[in-house]
PDB file of N, CA and C in Angstrom:
ATOM      1  N   MET A   1      -7.044   2.526 -12.744  1.00  0.00           N
ATOM      2  CA  MET A   1      -5.968   2.847 -11.574  1.00  0.00           C
ATOM      3  C   MET A   1      -6.580   2.129 -10.434  1.00  0.00           C
ATOM      4  N   MET A   2      -5.723   1.411  -9.650  1.00  0.00           N
ATOM      5  CA  MET A   2      -6.127   0.867  -8.441  1.00  0.00           C
ATOM      6  C   MET A   2      -5.419   1.294  -7.213  1.00  0.00           C
ATOM      7  N   ILE A   3      -5.994   1.776  -6.139  1.00  0.00           N
ATOM      8  CA  ILE A   3      -5.477   2.136  -4.909  1.00  0.00           C
ATOM      9  C   ILE A   3      -5.684   0.995  -3.867  1.00  0.00           C
ATOM     10  N   TYR A   4      -4.451   0.322  -3.431  1.00  0.00           N
ATOM     11  CA  TYR A   4      -4.537  -0.446  -2.098  1.00  0.00           C
ATOM     12  C   TYR A   4      -4.321   0.054  -0.956  1.00  0.00           C
ATOM     13  N   GLY A   5      -5.295  -0.094  -0.003  1.00  0.00           N
ATOM     14  CA  GLY A   5      -4.956   0.772   1.236  1.00  0.00           C
ATOM     15  C   GLY A   5      -5.964   0.223   2.256  1.00  0.00           C
ATOM     16  N   LEU A   6      -6.345   1.249   3.409  1.00  0.00           N
ATOM     17  CA  LEU A   6      -7.247   0.821   4.202  1.00  0.00           C
ATOM     18  C   LEU A   6      -8.332   1.945   4.300  1.00  0.00           C
ATOM     19  N   ASN A   7      -9.638   1.433   4.462  1.00  0.00           N
ATOM     20  CA  ASN A   7     -10.601   2.444   4.496  1.00  0.00           C
ATOM     21  C   ASN A   7     -10.459   3.680   5.670  1.00  0.00           C
ATOM     22  N   THR A   8      -9.706   3.092   6.556  1.00  0.00           N
ATOM     23  CA  THR A   8      -9.546   4.130   7.746  1.00  0.00           C
ATOM     24  C   THR A   8      -8.168   4.893   7.670  1.00  0.00           C
ATOM     25  N   CYS A   9      -7.414   4.978   6.534  1.00  0.00           N
ATOM     26  CA  CYS A   9      -6.299   5.285   6.485  1.00  0.00           C
ATOM     27  C   CYS A   9      -6.557   6.720   5.853  1.00  0.00           C
ATOM     28  N   ALA A  10      -5.930   7.875   6.535  1.00  0.00           N
ATOM     29  CA  ALA A  10      -6.095   9.132   5.934  1.00  0.00           C
ATOM     30  C   ALA A  10      -5.298   9.563   4.812  1.00  0.00           C
ATOM     31  N   THR A  11      -3.987   8.815   4.932  1.00  0.00           N
ATOM     32  CA  THR A  11      -3.284   8.943   3.526  1.00  0.00           C
ATOM     33  C   THR A  11      -4.014   8.301   2.204  1.00  0.00           C
ATOM     34  N   SER A  12      -4.415   7.134   2.506  1.00  0.00           N
ATOM     35  CA  SER A  12      -5.179   6.362   1.316  1.00  0.00           C
ATOM     36  C   SER A  12      -6.271   7.439   0.843  1.00  0.00           C
ATOM     37  N   LYS A  13      -7.197   8.025   1.840  1.00  0.00           N
ATOM     38  CA  LYS A  13      -8.228   8.863   1.532  1.00  0.00           C
ATOM     39  C   LYS A  13      -7.694  10.071   0.747  1.00  0.00           C
ATOM     40  N   LYS A  14      -6.630  10.664   1.238  1.00  0.00           N
ATOM     41  CA  LYS A  14      -6.392  11.829   0.536  1.00  0.00           C
ATOM     42  C   LYS A  14      -5.825  11.508  -0.862  1.00  0.00           C
ATOM     43  N   ALA A  15      -5.104  10.482  -1.172  1.00  0.00           N
ATOM     44  CA  ALA A  15      -4.798  10.024  -2.444  1.00  0.00           C
ATOM     45  C   ALA A  15      -5.981   9.675  -3.273  1.00  0.00           C
ATOM     46  N   PHE A  16      -6.957   9.085  -2.885  1.00  0.00           N
ATOM     47  CA  PHE A  16      -8.150   8.727  -3.694  1.00  0.00           C
ATOM     48  C   PHE A  16      -8.709  10.219  -3.946  1.00  0.00           C
ATOM     49  N   LYS A  17      -8.997  10.990  -3.025  1.00  0.00           N
ATOM     50  CA  LYS A  17      -9.602  12.422  -3.436  1.00  0.00           C
ATOM     51  C   LYS A  17      -8.985  13.190  -4.431  1.00  0.00           C
ATOM     52  N   ALA A  18      -7.637  13.224  -4.228  1.00  0.00           N
ATOM     53  CA  ALA A  18      -6.845  14.037  -5.168  1.00  0.00           C
ATOM     54  C   ALA A  18      -6.921  13.359  -6.563  1.00  0.00           C
ATOM     55  N   LEU A  19      -6.769  12.273  -6.639  1.00  0.00           N
ATOM     56  CA  LEU A  19      -6.650  11.514  -8.143  1.00  0.00           C
ATOM     57  C   LEU A  19      -8.176  11.639  -8.541  1.00  0.00           C
ATOM     58  N   GLU A  20      -9.251  11.327  -7.985  1.00  0.00           N
ATOM     59  CA  GLU A  20     -10.552  11.534  -8.358  1.00  0.00           C
ATOM     60  C   GLU A  20     -10.877  12.887  -8.772  1.00  0.00           C
ATOM     61  N   ALA A  21     -10.485  13.905  -7.921  1.00  0.00           N
ATOM     62  CA  ALA A  21     -10.383  15.383  -8.337  1.00  0.00           C
ATOM     63  C   ALA A  21      -9.719  15.794  -9.729  1.00  0.00           C
ATOM     64  N   ALA A  22      -8.655  15.050  -9.927  1.00  0.00           N
ATOM     65  CA  ALA A  22      -8.014  15.026 -11.347  1.00  0.00           C
ATOM     66  C   ALA A  22      -8.578  14.292 -12.364  1.00  0.00           C
ATOM     67  N   GLY A  23      -9.748  13.676 -12.265  1.00  0.00           N
ATOM     68  CA  GLY A  23     -10.465  12.918 -13.277  1.00  0.00           C
ATOM     69  C   GLY A  23      -9.854  11.560 -13.784  1.00  0.00           C
ATOM     70  N   LYS A  24      -9.196  11.105 -12.684  1.00  0.00           N
ATOM     71  CA  LYS A  24      -8.664   9.475 -12.683  1.00  0.00           C
ATOM     72  C   LYS A  24      -9.916   8.742 -12.459  1.00  0.00           C
ATOM     73  N   ASP A  25      -9.749   7.473 -13.237  1.00  0.00           N
ATOM     74  CA  ASP A  25     -10.986   6.489 -13.258  1.00  0.00           C
ATOM     75  C   ASP A  25      -9.977   5.462 -12.038  1.00  0.00           C
ATOM     76  N   ILE A  26     -10.671   5.627 -10.905  1.00  0.00           N
ATOM     77  CA  ILE A  26     -10.025   4.772  -9.848  1.00  0.00           C
ATOM     78  C   ILE A  26     -10.919   3.784  -9.155  1.00  0.00           C
ATOM     79  N   SER A  27     -10.220   2.625  -8.557  1.00  0.00           N
ATOM     80  CA  SER A  27     -10.880   1.680  -7.840  1.00  0.00           C
ATOM     81  C   SER A  27     -10.082   1.703  -6.517  1.00  0.00           C
ATOM     82  N   PHE A  28     -11.025   1.291  -5.397  1.00  0.00           N
ATOM     83  CA  PHE A  28      -9.940   1.499  -4.134  1.00  0.00           C
ATOM     84  C   PHE A  28     -10.313  -0.171  -3.548  1.00  0.00           C
ATOM     85  N   ARG A  29      -9.351  -0.608  -2.981  1.00  0.00           N
ATOM     86  CA  ARG A  29      -9.270  -1.938  -2.423  1.00  0.00           C
ATOM     87  C   ARG A  29      -8.783  -1.753  -1.024  1.00  0.00           C
ATOM     88  N   ASP A  30      -9.528  -2.184   0.017  1.00  0.00           N
ATOM     89  CA  ASP A  30      -9.406  -2.287   1.451  1.00  0.00           C
ATOM     90  C   ASP A  30      -8.523  -3.587   1.504  1.00  0.00           C
ATOM     91  N   VAL A  31      -7.296  -3.534   1.878  1.00  0.00           N
ATOM     92  CA  VAL A  31      -6.360  -4.825   2.020  1.00  0.00           C
ATOM     93  C   VAL A  31      -6.748  -5.573   3.133  1.00  0.00           C
ATOM     94  N   ARG A  32      -7.424  -5.035   4.230  1.00  0.00           N
ATOM     95  CA  ARG A  32      -7.937  -5.655   5.327  1.00  0.00           C
ATOM     96  C   ARG A  32      -9.324  -6.473   4.970  1.00  0.00           C
ATOM     97  N   ALA A  33     -10.142  -5.920   4.329  1.00  0.00           N
ATOM     98  CA  ALA A  33     -11.508  -6.616   4.018  1.00  0.00           C
ATOM     99  C   ALA A  33     -11.299  -7.419   2.893  1.00  0.00           C
ATOM    100  N   GLU A  34     -10.430  -7.500   1.803  1.00  0.00           N
ATOM    101  CA  GLU A  34     -10.126  -7.990   0.703  1.00  0.00           C
ATOM    102  C   GLU A  34      -8.426  -8.310   0.898  1.00  0.00           C
ATOM    103  N   PRO A  35      -8.122  -9.250   1.387  1.00  0.00           N
ATOM    104  CA  PRO A  35      -6.853  -9.429   1.270  1.00  0.00           C
ATOM    105  C   PRO A  35      -6.192  -9.674  -0.048  1.00  0.00           C
ATOM    106  N   LEU A  36      -4.627  -9.364   0.027  1.00  0.00           N
ATOM    107  CA  LEU A  36      -4.113  -9.634  -1.408  1.00  0.00           C
ATOM    108  C   LEU A  36      -3.760 -11.044  -1.375  1.00  0.00           C
ATOM    109  N   SER A  37      -3.927 -11.458  -2.721  1.00  0.00           N
ATOM    110  CA  SER A  37      -3.468 -12.882  -3.294  1.00  0.00           C
ATOM    111  C   SER A  37      -2.301 -13.258  -2.951  1.00  0.00           C
ATOM    112  N   GLU A  38      -1.727 -14.418  -3.088  1.00  0.00           N
ATOM    113  CA  GLU A  38      -0.134 -14.755  -2.916  1.00  0.00           C
ATOM    114  C   GLU A  38       0.532 -13.945  -4.082  1.00  0.00           C
ATOM    115  N   THR A  39      -0.030 -13.861  -5.403  1.00  0.00           N
ATOM    116  CA  THR A  39       0.376 -13.589  -6.714  1.00  0.00           C
ATOM    117  C   THR A  39       0.509 -11.906  -6.461  1.00  0.00           C
ATOM    118  N   GLU A  40      -0.649 -11.242  -6.019  1.00  0.00           N
ATOM    119  CA  GLU A  40      -0.465  -9.856  -5.818  1.00  0.00           C
ATOM    120  C   GLU A  40       0.457  -9.282  -4.994  1.00  0.00           C
ATOM    121  N   LEU A  41       0.541 -10.163  -3.816  1.00  0.00           N
ATOM    122  CA  LEU A  41       1.625  -9.803  -2.708  1.00  0.00           C
ATOM    123  C   LEU A  41       3.132 -10.259  -3.389  1.00  0.00           C
ATOM    124  N   SER A  42       3.348 -11.087  -3.957  1.00  0.00           N
ATOM    125  CA  SER A  42       4.440 -11.297  -4.458  1.00  0.00           C
ATOM    126  C   SER A  42       5.080 -10.211  -5.551  1.00  0.00           C
ATOM    127  N   GLU A  43       4.087  -9.791  -6.296  1.00  0.00           N
ATOM    128  CA  GLU A  43       4.372  -8.605  -7.264  1.00  0.00           C
ATOM    129  C   GLU A  43       4.568  -7.452  -6.429  1.00  0.00           C
ATOM    130  N   LEU A  44       4.014  -7.140  -5.387  1.00  0.00           N
ATOM    131  CA  LEU A  44       4.421  -5.911  -4.587  1.00  0.00           C
ATOM    132  C   LEU A  44       5.741  -5.987  -3.930  1.00  0.00           C
ATOM    133  N   ILE A  45       5.965  -7.273  -3.461  1.00  0.00           N
ATOM    134  CA  ILE A  45       7.245  -7.473  -2.884  1.00  0.00           C
ATOM    135  C   ILE A  45       8.310  -7.461  -3.902  1.00  0.00           C
ATOM    136  N   THR A  46       8.099  -7.997  -5.129  1.00  0.00           N
ATOM    137  CA  THR A  46       9.275  -7.787  -6.043  1.00  0.00           C
ATOM    138  C   THR A  46       9.327  -6.332  -6.373  1.00  0.00           C
ATOM    139  N   GLU A  47       8.241  -5.617  -6.413  1.00  0.00           N
ATOM    140  CA  GLU A  47       8.339  -4.116  -6.828  1.00  0.00           C
ATOM    141  C   GLU A  47       9.074  -3.327  -5.622  1.00  0.00           C
ATOM    142  N   PHE A  48       8.689  -3.448  -4.479  1.00  0.00           N
ATOM    143  CA  PHE A  48       9.045  -2.647  -3.100  1.00  0.00           C
ATOM    144  C   PHE A  48       9.815  -3.246  -2.178  1.00  0.00           C
ATOM    145  N   GLY A  49       9.870  -4.806  -2.269  1.00  0.00           N
ATOM    146  CA  GLY A  49      10.836  -5.285  -1.337  1.00  0.00           C
ATOM    147  C   GLY A  49      10.408  -4.996   0.300  1.00  0.00           C
ATOM    148  N   ASP A  50      11.305  -4.911   1.209  1.00  0.00           N
ATOM    149  CA  ASP A  50      11.022  -4.694   2.532  1.00  0.00           C
ATOM    150  C   ASP A  50      10.222  -3.208   2.797  1.00  0.00           C
ATOM    151  N   ARG A  51      10.618  -2.326   1.516  1.00  0.00           N
ATOM    152  CA  ARG A  51       9.904  -0.978   1.950  1.00  0.00           C
ATOM    153  C   ARG A  51       8.360  -1.127   2.045  1.00  0.00           C
ATOM    154  N   LEU A  52       7.952  -2.091   1.648  1.00  0.00           N
ATOM    155  CA  LEU A  52       6.261  -2.346   1.661  1.00  0.00           C
ATOM    156  C   LEU A  52       5.847  -2.394   2.993  1.00  0.00           C
ATOM    157  N   VAL A  53       6.794  -2.871   4.282  1.00  0.00           N
ATOM    158  CA  VAL A  53       6.357  -2.861   5.722  1.00  0.00           C
ATOM    159  C   VAL A  53       6.570  -1.581   6.323  1.00  0.00           C
ATOM    160  N   ASP A  54       5.504  -1.221   6.864  1.00  0.00           N
ATOM    161  CA  ASP A  54       5.658  -0.093   7.688  1.00  0.00           C
ATOM    162  C   ASP A  54       6.209  -0.444   9.051  1.00  0.00           C
ATOM    163  N   ARG A  55       7.595  -0.269   9.239  1.00  0.00           N
ATOM    164  CA  ARG A  55       8.211  -0.886  10.467  1.00  0.00           C
ATOM    165  C   ARG A  55       8.056   0.236  11.730  1.00  0.00           C
ATOM    166  N   LYS A  56       7.360   1.412  11.146  1.00  0.00           N
ATOM    167  CA  LYS A  56       7.369   2.413  12.417  1.00  0.00           C
ATOM    168  C   LYS A  56       5.989   2.496  13.056  1.00  0.00           C
ATOM    169  N   SER A  57       5.136   1.466  12.569  1.00  0.00           N
ATOM    170  CA  SER A  57       3.697   1.464  13.095  1.00  0.00           C
ATOM    171  C   SER A  57       3.728   0.580  14.382  1.00  0.00           C
ATOM    172  N   ASN A  58       2.733   0.965  15.074  1.00  0.00           N
ATOM    173  CA  ASN A  58       2.321   0.285  16.246  1.00  0.00           C
ATOM    174  C   ASN A  58       2.151  -1.274  16.125  1.00  0.00           C
ATOM    175  N   ASP A  59       1.525  -1.433  15.016  1.00  0.00           N
ATOM    176  CA  ASP A  59       1.007  -2.837  14.631  1.00  0.00           C
ATOM    177  C   ASP A  59       2.326  -3.742  14.414  1.00  0.00           C
ATOM    178  N   TRP A  60       3.484  -3.152  13.782  1.00  0.00           N
ATOM    179  CA  TRP A  60       4.746  -3.759  13.651  1.00  0.00           C
ATOM    180  C   TRP A  60       5.513  -4.055  14.898  1.00  0.00           C
ATOM    181  N   ARG A  61       5.447  -2.917  15.872  1.00  0.00           N
ATOM    182  CA  ARG A  61       5.884  -2.983  17.105  1.00  0.00           C
ATOM    183  C   ARG A  61       5.157  -4.401  17.992  1.00  0.00           C
ATOM    184  N   GLY A  62       4.034  -4.355  17.584  1.00  0.00           N
ATOM    185  CA  GLY A  62       3.317  -5.568  18.452  1.00  0.00           C
ATOM    186  C   GLY A  62       3.540  -7.067  17.869  1.00  0.00           C
ATOM    187  N   LEU A  63       4.478  -7.070  16.728  1.00  0.00           N
ATOM    188  CA  LEU A  63       4.723  -8.414  16.197  1.00  0.00           C
ATOM    189  C   LEU A  63       5.505  -9.203  17.027  1.00  0.00           C
ATOM    190  N   SER A  64       5.417 -10.485  17.231  1.00  0.00           N
ATOM    191  CA  SER A  64       6.312 -11.362  17.954  1.00  0.00           C
ATOM    192  C   SER A  64       7.657 -11.324  17.375  1.00  0.00           C
ATOM    193  N   ASP A  65       8.688 -11.367  18.160  1.00  0.00           N
ATOM    194  CA  ASP A  65      10.104 -11.455  17.789  1.00  0.00           C
ATOM    195  C   ASP A  65      10.399 -12.148  16.405  1.00  0.00           C
ATOM    196  N   TRP A  66       9.650 -13.541  16.371  1.00  0.00           N
ATOM    197  CA  TRP A  66       9.873 -14.344  15.232  1.00  0.00           C
ATOM    198  C   TRP A  66       9.284 -13.572  14.068  1.00  0.00           C
ATOM    199  N   LEU A  67       8.044 -13.173  14.018  1.00  0.00           N
ATOM    200  CA  LEU A  67       7.398 -12.468  13.009  1.00  0.00           C
ATOM    201  C   LEU A  67       8.141 -11.346  12.528  1.00  0.00           C
ATOM    202  N   LYS A  68       8.801 -10.622  13.428  1.00  0.00           N
ATOM    203  CA  LYS A  68       9.564  -9.387  13.211  1.00  0.00           C
ATOM    204  C   LYS A  68      10.812  -9.579  12.090  1.00  0.00           C
ATOM    205  N   HIS A  69      11.305 -10.826  12.338  1.00  0.00           N
ATOM    206  CA  HIS A  69      12.605 -11.114  11.610  1.00  0.00           C
ATOM    207  C   HIS A  69      12.188 -12.189  10.484  1.00  0.00           C
ATOM    208  N   SER A  70      10.832 -12.313  10.257  1.00  0.00           N
ATOM    209  CA  SER A  70      10.496 -13.135   9.000  1.00  0.00           C
ATOM    210  C   SER A  70      10.566 -12.352   7.825  1.00  0.00           C
ATOM    211  N   GLU A  71      10.206 -12.919   6.591  1.00  0.00           N
ATOM    212  CA  GLU A  71      10.045 -12.050   5.443  1.00  0.00           C
ATOM    213  C   GLU A  71       9.118 -11.222   5.543  1.00  0.00           C
ATOM    214  N   ALA A  72       9.016 -10.255   4.552  1.00  0.00           N
ATOM    215  CA  ALA A  72       8.001  -9.211   4.531  1.00  0.00           C
ATOM    216  C   ALA A  72       6.571  -9.793   4.068  1.00  0.00           C
ATOM    217  N   GLU A  73       6.875 -10.838   3.147  1.00  0.00           N
ATOM    218  CA  GLU A  73       5.493 -11.619   2.786  1.00  0.00           C
ATOM    219  C   GLU A  73       4.826 -12.089   3.981  1.00  0.00           C
ATOM    220  N   ASP A  74       5.613 -12.648   4.777  1.00  0.00           N
ATOM    221  CA  ASP A  74       4.812 -13.439   5.847  1.00  0.00           C
ATOM    222  C   ASP A  74       4.281 -12.483   6.696  1.00  0.00           C
ATOM    223  N   GLN A  75       5.006 -11.131   6.981  1.00  0.00           N
ATOM    224  CA  GLN A  75       4.562 -10.156   7.940  1.00  0.00           C
ATOM    225  C   GLN A  75       3.043  -9.430   7.252  1.00  0.00           C
ATOM    226  N   LEU A  76       3.076  -9.467   6.090  1.00  0.00           N
ATOM    227  CA  LEU A  76       1.913  -8.966   5.331  1.00  0.00           C
ATOM    228  C   LEU A  76       0.794  -9.733   5.558  1.00  0.00           C
ATOM    229  N   ALA A  77       1.049 -10.976   5.107  1.00  0.00           N
ATOM    230  CA  ALA A  77       0.059 -12.076   5.165  1.00  0.00           C
ATOM    231  C   ALA A  77      -0.477 -12.347   6.600  1.00  0.00           C
ATOM    232  N   ALA A  78       0.151 -12.193   7.759  1.00  0.00           N
ATOM    233  CA  ALA A  78      -0.260 -12.149   9.030  1.00  0.00           C
ATOM    234  C   ALA A  78      -1.103 -10.935   9.411  1.00  0.00           C
ATOM    235  N   ASN A  79      -0.669  -9.679   8.769  1.00  0.00           N
ATOM    236  CA  ASN A  79      -1.355  -8.474   9.420  1.00  0.00           C
ATOM    237  C   ASN A  79      -1.170  -7.487   8.083  1.00  0.00           C
ATOM    238  N   PRO A  80      -2.272  -7.470   7.179  1.00  0.00           N
ATOM    239  CA  PRO A  80      -2.371  -6.601   6.283  1.00  0.00           C
ATOM    240  C   PRO A  80      -2.147  -5.226   6.564  1.00  0.00           C
ATOM    241  N   LYS A  81      -2.571  -4.667   7.908  1.00  0.00           N
ATOM    242  CA  LYS A  81      -2.173  -3.112   8.278  1.00  0.00           C
ATOM    243  C   LYS A  81      -0.876  -2.896   8.293  1.00  0.00           C
ATOM    244  N   LEU A  82       0.166  -3.636   8.132  1.00  0.00           N
ATOM    245  CA  LEU A  82       1.316  -3.390   8.316  1.00  0.00           C
ATOM    246  C   LEU A  82       2.101  -3.029   6.820  1.00  0.00           C
ATOM    247  N   MET A  83       1.158  -2.909   5.990  1.00  0.00           N
ATOM    248  CA  MET A  83       1.473  -2.223   4.601  1.00  0.00           C
ATOM    249  C   MET A  83       1.707  -0.858   4.586  1.00  0.00           C
ATOM    250  N   VAL A  84       2.724  -0.434   3.800  1.00  0.00           N
ATOM    251  CA  VAL A  84       2.779   1.155   3.749  1.00  0.00           C
ATOM    252  C   VAL A  84       1.787   1.660   2.774  1.00  0.00           C
ATOM    253  N   ARG A  85       0.988   2.466   2.940  1.00  0.00           N
ATOM    254  CA  ARG A  85      -0.052   2.949   2.303  1.00  0.00           C
ATOM    255  C   ARG A  85      -0.085   4.326   1.931  1.00  0.00           C
ATOM    256  N   PRO A  86      -0.655   4.612   0.620  1.00  0.00           N
ATOM    257  CA  PRO A  86      -1.254   3.715  -0.212  1.00  0.00           C
ATOM    258  C   PRO A  86      -0.227   2.906  -1.250  1.00  0.00           C
ATOM    259  N   VAL A  87      -0.694   1.871  -1.666  1.00  0.00           N
ATOM    260  CA  VAL A  87       0.161   1.556  -3.077  1.00  0.00           C
ATOM    261  C   VAL A  87      -0.772   1.775  -4.114  1.00  0.00           C
ATOM    262  N   ILE A  88      -0.420   2.398  -5.180  1.00  0.00           N
ATOM    263  CA  ILE A  88      -1.183   2.754  -6.315  1.00  0.00           C
ATOM    264  C   ILE A  88      -0.467   2.058  -7.562  1.00  0.00           C
ATOM    265  N   ARG A  89      -1.542   1.439  -8.253  1.00  0.00           N
ATOM    266  CA  ARG A  89      -1.103   0.786  -9.682  1.00  0.00           C
ATOM    267  C   ARG A  89      -1.855   1.518 -10.523  1.00  0.00           C
ATOM    268  N   ASP A  90      -1.004   2.021 -11.360  1.00  0.00           N
ATOM    269  CA  ASP A  90      -1.594   2.750 -12.655  1.00  0.00           C
ATOM    270  C   ASP A  90      -0.922   1.906 -13.950  1.00  0.00           C
ATOM    271  N   GLY A  91      -1.557   1.159 -14.401  1.00  0.00           N
ATOM    272  CA  GLY A  91      -1.419   0.172 -15.527  1.00  0.00           C
ATOM    273  C   GLY A  91      -0.281  -0.769 -14.854  1.00  0.00           C
ATOM    274  N   ASP A  92       0.831  -0.693 -15.459  1.00  0.00           N
ATOM    275  CA  ASP A  92       1.847  -1.743 -15.237  1.00  0.00           C
ATOM    276  C   ASP A  92       2.874  -0.967 -14.173  1.00  0.00           C
ATOM    277  N   THR A  93       2.586   0.135 -13.652  1.00  0.00           N
ATOM    278  CA  THR A  93       3.568   1.030 -12.802  1.00  0.00           C
ATOM    279  C   THR A  93       2.895   1.122 -11.240  1.00  0.00           C
ATOM    280  N   TYR A  94       3.712   0.964 -10.468  1.00  0.00           N
ATOM    281  CA  TYR A  94       3.345   0.931  -9.220  1.00  0.00           C
ATOM    282  C   TYR A  94       3.903   1.956  -8.187  1.00  0.00           C
ATOM    283  N   TYR A  95       3.200   2.609  -7.325  1.00  0.00           N
ATOM    284  CA  TYR A  95       3.893   3.809  -6.550  1.00  0.00           C
ATOM    285  C   TYR A  95       3.473   3.226  -5.261  1.00  0.00           C
ATOM    286  N   LEU A  96       4.283   3.908  -4.366  1.00  0.00           N
ATOM    287  CA  LEU A  96       4.377   3.367  -2.848  1.00  0.00           C
ATOM    288  C   LEU A  96       4.288   4.812  -2.095  1.00  0.00           C
ATOM    289  N   GLY A  97       3.143   5.012  -1.273  1.00  0.00           N
ATOM    290  CA  GLY A  97       3.130   5.968  -0.608  1.00  0.00           C
ATOM    291  C   GLY A  97       2.244   7.362  -1.193  1.00  0.00           C
ATOM    292  N   TRP A  98       2.192   8.432  -0.631  1.00  0.00           N
ATOM    293  CA  TRP A  98       1.591   9.595  -1.321  1.00  0.00           C
ATOM    294  C   TRP A  98       2.363  10.830  -0.940  1.00  0.00           C
ATOM    295  N   ASP A  99       3.643  10.710  -1.230  1.00  0.00           N
ATOM    296  CA  ASP A  99       4.668  11.794  -1.197  1.00  0.00           C
ATOM    297  C   ASP A  99       4.595  12.812  -2.352  1.00  0.00           C
ATOM    298  N   ALA A 100       5.425  13.864  -2.216  1.00  0.00           N
ATOM    299  CA  ALA A 100       5.463  14.821  -3.568  1.00  0.00           C
ATOM    300  C   ALA A 100       6.000  14.188  -4.737  1.00  0.00           C
ATOM    301  N   ALA A 101       6.732  13.231  -4.928  1.00  0.00           N
ATOM    302  CA  ALA A 101       7.107  12.478  -6.057  1.00  0.00           C
ATOM    303  C   ALA A 101       6.073  11.663  -6.571  1.00  0.00           C
ATOM    304  N   VAL A 102       5.079  11.181  -5.781  1.00  0.00           N
ATOM    305  CA  VAL A 102       4.323  10.367  -6.483  1.00  0.00           C
ATOM    306  C   VAL A 102       3.089  11.131  -6.858  1.00  0.00           C
ATOM    307  N   GLN A 103       2.733  12.294  -6.333  1.00  0.00           N
ATOM    308  CA  GLN A 103       1.627  13.274  -6.624  1.00  0.00           C
ATOM    309  C   GLN A 103       2.212  13.847  -7.972  1.00  0.00           C
ATOM    310  N   ALA A 104       3.436  14.193  -8.091  1.00  0.00           N
ATOM    311  CA  ALA A 104       4.038  14.788  -9.319  1.00  0.00           C
ATOM    312  C   ALA A 104       3.961  13.839 -10.505  1.00  0.00           C
ATOM    313  N   ALA A 105       3.917  12.637 -10.130  1.00  0.00           N
ATOM    314  CA  ALA A 105       4.154  11.656 -11.223  1.00  0.00           C
ATOM    315  C   ALA A 105       2.413  11.142 -11.757  1.00  0.00           C
ATOM    316  N   LEU A 106       1.543  11.686 -10.720  1.00  0.00           N
ATOM    317  CA  LEU A 106       0.334  11.161 -11.008  1.00  0.00           C
ATOM    318  C   LEU A 106      -0.835  12.052 -11.137  1.00  0.00           C
ATOM    319  N   LEU A 107      -0.454  13.537 -10.899  1.00  0.00           N
ATOM    320  CA  LEU A 107      -1.307  14.411 -11.076  1.00  0.00           C
ATOM    321  C   LEU A 107      -1.039  15.472 -12.019  1.00  0.00           C
ATOM    322  N   PRO A 108      -1.922  16.042 -12.633  1.00  0.00           N
ATOM    323  CA  PRO A 108      -1.540  17.085 -13.813  1.00  0.00           C
ATOM    324  C   PRO A 108      -1.094  18.307 -13.204  1.00  0.00           C
ATOM    325  N   GLU A 109      -0.354  18.882 -13.747  1.00  0.00           N
ATOM    326  CA  GLU A 109       0.265  20.251 -13.245  1.00  0.00           C
ATOM    327  C   GLU A 109      -0.707  21.349 -13.209  1.00  0.00           C
TER     328      GLU A 109
END
């Protein structure tokens, strides 16, 4: 299982700790330190589309008007911190965020 997020993201840390406590074998990848390749980013865009970009963040508000109106892929390539976190890959299945539905799908009862 792979978690894509930021080392400084509280939600990514919560997801990692909960999955680790549940006995899952997890790898963590900081997308700022180790940016996603074009192929990886394309897979995530295909899976989540524009939902992958956090439009509520201060980082998104700070983008130029041109970049705000560009494709999600361009926005994330320019600033990986814009990605909604965490993105969790479990085999061939991807999960976005760490809400109750994601937790129910990944954590044992």
